[in-house]
Amino acid sequence: MAIAYPVIGHWYRRTNGNLLKIVAVDDEDATIEVQFFDGTIDEVDFDTWNSMLLERVGAPEDWSGSVDMDPEDFVGEDSGEIPMGYHDPLSFLDRQE
């Protein structure tokens, strides 16, 4: 299995079946921050990442498993539709109000 290059927002599966998503890559510190499907955040260095056997996979069908919210929490009160921006939870990271 080839070494998977860490790309922010991409999902990977470990050989034990655990899903993880790349949250951040810090080239200066040579670390990669990952979030597992259950919501756990971890940080690994580049050497550890290169030794992990990973397979790039698509996002899980129910990505909300890593978010502690019920589906009705995503529905707008007035329209009954998913509020703007909730389709991509990472879109809120840099938003300033």
C-alpha atoms as a PDB file:
ATOM      1  CA  MET A   1       0.000   0.000   0.000  1.00  0.00           C
ATOM      2  CA  ALA A   2       1.426   3.401  -0.979  1.00  0.00           C
ATOM      3  CA  ILE A   3       1.926   6.215   1.494  1.00  0.00           C
ATOM      4  CA  ALA A   4      -1.109   8.516   1.449  1.00  0.00           C
ATOM      5  CA  TYR A   5      -0.265  12.219   1.355  1.00  0.00           C
ATOM      6  CA  PRO A   6      -2.286  14.048   4.062  1.00  0.00           C
ATOM      7  CA  VAL A   7      -4.789  16.468   2.524  1.00  0.00           C
ATOM      8  CA  ILE A   8      -6.970  18.628   4.770  1.00  0.00           C
ATOM      9  CA  GLY A   9     -10.598  17.512   4.572  1.00  0.00           C
ATOM     10  CA  HIS A  10      -9.859  14.062   3.114  1.00  0.00           C
ATOM     11  CA  TRP A  11     -10.916  10.870   4.884  1.00  0.00           C
ATOM     12  CA  TYR A  12      -8.692   7.819   5.368  1.00  0.00           C
ATOM     13  CA  ARG A  13      -9.255   4.317   6.735  1.00  0.00           C
ATOM     14  CA  ARG A  14      -6.711   2.545   8.903  1.00  0.00           C
ATOM     15  CA  THR A  15      -6.160  -1.208   8.582  1.00  0.00           C
ATOM     16  CA  ASN A  16      -8.230  -1.719  11.760  1.00  0.00           C
ATOM     17  CA  GLY A  17     -11.203  -0.020  10.038  1.00  0.00           C
ATOM     18  CA  ASN A  18     -11.075   3.266  11.967  1.00  0.00           C
ATOM     19  CA  LEU A  19     -11.963   6.303   9.870  1.00  0.00           C
ATOM     20  CA  LEU A  20     -10.080   9.558  10.270  1.00  0.00           C
ATOM     21  CA  LYS A  21     -10.172  12.964   8.661  1.00  0.00           C
ATOM     22  CA  ILE A  22      -7.274  15.377   8.217  1.00  0.00           C
ATOM     23  CA  VAL A  23      -8.043  18.573  10.136  1.00  0.00           C
ATOM     24  CA  ALA A  24      -4.718  20.421   9.850  1.00  0.00           C
ATOM     25  CA  VAL A  25      -1.176  20.005   8.542  1.00  0.00           C
ATOM     26  CA  ASP A  26       1.619  21.984  10.177  1.00  0.00           C
ATOM     27  CA  ASP A  27       4.705  21.909   7.979  1.00  0.00           C
ATOM     28  CA  GLU A  28       6.801  23.891  10.479  1.00  0.00           C
ATOM     29  CA  ASP A  29       6.180  21.440  13.337  1.00  0.00           C
ATOM     30  CA  ALA A  30       5.980  18.466  10.944  1.00  0.00           C
ATOM     31  CA  THR A  31       2.659  17.362  12.458  1.00  0.00           C
ATOM     32  CA  ILE A  32      -0.742  16.346  11.171  1.00  0.00           C
ATOM     33  CA  GLU A  33      -3.912  16.840  13.202  1.00  0.00           C
ATOM     34  CA  VAL A  34      -6.544  14.172  12.620  1.00  0.00           C
ATOM     35  CA  GLN A  35     -10.083  13.685  13.833  1.00  0.00           C
ATOM     36  CA  PHE A  36     -11.420  10.167  14.138  1.00  0.00           C
ATOM     37  CA  PHE A  37     -15.029   9.392  13.210  1.00  0.00           C
ATOM     38  CA  ASP A  38     -15.990   9.292  16.902  1.00  0.00           C
ATOM     39  CA  GLY A  39     -14.807  12.899  17.316  1.00  0.00           C
ATOM     40  CA  THR A  40     -11.471  12.184  18.987  1.00  0.00           C
ATOM     41  CA  ILE A  41      -8.718  14.600  17.926  1.00  0.00           C
ATOM     42  CA  ASP A  42      -5.113  13.415  17.708  1.00  0.00           C
ATOM     43  CA  GLU A  43      -1.838  14.707  16.358  1.00  0.00           C
ATOM     44  CA  VAL A  44       0.808  12.616  14.617  1.00  0.00           C
ATOM     45  CA  ASP A  45       4.204  13.555  13.267  1.00  0.00           C
ATOM     46  CA  PHE A  46       5.138  13.051   9.628  1.00  0.00           C
ATOM     47  CA  ASP A  47       7.271   9.975  10.397  1.00  0.00           C
ATOM     48  CA  THR A  48       4.372   8.269  12.185  1.00  0.00           C
ATOM     49  CA  TRP A  49       1.999   9.209   9.355  1.00  0.00           C
ATOM     50  CA  ASN A  50       4.322   7.665   6.787  1.00  0.00           C
ATOM     51  CA  SER A  51       4.450   4.415   8.761  1.00  0.00           C
ATOM     52  CA  MET A  52       0.639   4.139   9.056  1.00  0.00           C
ATOM     53  CA  LEU A  53      -1.121   1.906   6.550  1.00  0.00           C
ATOM     54  CA  LEU A  54      -3.912   4.112   5.254  1.00  0.00           C
ATOM     55  CA  GLU A  55      -6.393   3.963   2.415  1.00  0.00           C
ATOM     56  CA  ARG A  56      -8.017   7.122   1.089  1.00  0.00           C
ATOM     57  CA  VAL A  57     -11.799   6.785   1.247  1.00  0.00           C
ATOM     58  CA  GLY A  58     -14.774   9.012   0.631  1.00  0.00           C
ATOM     59  CA  ALA A  59     -16.535  10.762   3.481  1.00  0.00           C
ATOM     60  CA  PRO A  60     -18.789   8.426   5.434  1.00  0.00           C
ATOM     61  CA  GLU A  61     -22.446   8.565   4.469  1.00  0.00           C
ATOM     62  CA  ASP A  62     -23.359   9.771   7.959  1.00  0.00           C
ATOM     63  CA  TRP A  63     -20.461  12.136   8.732  1.00  0.00           C
ATOM     64  CA  SER A  64     -22.458  13.549  11.660  1.00  0.00           C
ATOM     65  CA  GLY A  65     -21.279  10.557  13.732  1.00  0.00           C
ATOM     66  CA  SER A  66     -18.320  12.671  14.757  1.00  0.00           C
ATOM     67  CA  VAL A  67     -20.503  15.623  15.682  1.00  0.00           C
ATOM     68  CA  ASP A  68     -22.535  15.592  18.874  1.00  0.00           C
ATOM     69  CA  MET A  69     -25.753  16.862  17.281  1.00  0.00           C
ATOM     70  CA  ASP A  70     -29.045  15.300  16.341  1.00  0.00           C
ATOM     71  CA  PRO A  71     -30.297  15.630  12.745  1.00  0.00           C
ATOM     72  CA  GLU A  72     -33.096  17.978  13.875  1.00  0.00           C
ATOM     73  CA  ASP A  73     -30.424  20.379  15.183  1.00  0.00           C
ATOM     74  CA  PHE A  74     -29.409  21.019  11.572  1.00  0.00           C
ATOM     75  CA  VAL A  75     -32.902  22.041  10.454  1.00  0.00           C
ATOM     76  CA  GLY A  76     -33.772  25.733  10.356  1.00  0.00           C
ATOM     77  CA  GLU A  77     -36.734  26.791  12.463  1.00  0.00           C
ATOM     78  CA  ASP A  78     -38.566  28.631   9.692  1.00  0.00           C
ATOM     79  CA  SER A  79     -37.836  26.833   6.462  1.00  0.00           C
ATOM     80  CA  GLY A  80     -37.384  23.225   7.526  1.00  0.00           C
ATOM     81  CA  GLU A  81     -34.254  23.133   5.381  1.00  0.00           C
ATOM     82  CA  ILE A  82     -30.609  22.670   6.303  1.00  0.00           C
ATOM     83  CA  PRO A  83     -29.265  26.149   7.167  1.00  0.00           C
ATOM     84  CA  MET A  84     -26.758  27.795   4.862  1.00  0.00           C
ATOM     85  CA  GLY A  85     -23.212  26.584   5.552  1.00  0.00           C
ATOM     86  CA  TYR A  86     -24.127  23.392   7.397  1.00  0.00           C
ATOM     87  CA  HIS A  87     -23.335  21.360   4.303  1.00  0.00           C
ATOM     88  CA  ASP A  88     -19.643  21.938   5.023  1.00  0.00           C
ATOM     89  CA  PRO A  89     -18.891  22.284   8.752  1.00  0.00           C
ATOM     90  CA  LEU A  90     -15.361  23.499   7.980  1.00  0.00           C
ATOM     91  CA  SER A  91     -16.794  26.632   6.369  1.00  0.00           C
ATOM     92  CA  PHE A  92     -17.359  28.086   9.866  1.00  0.00           C
ATOM     93  CA  LEU A  93     -13.704  27.919  10.934  1.00  0.00           C
ATOM     94  CA  ASP A  94     -12.559  31.221   9.467  1.00  0.00           C
ATOM     95  CA  ARG A  95     -15.832  33.111   9.660  1.00  0.00           C
ATOM     96  CA  GLN A  96     -15.713  36.348  11.639  1.00  0.00           C
ATOM     97  CA  GLU A  97     -18.880  38.130  12.620  1.00  0.00           C
END
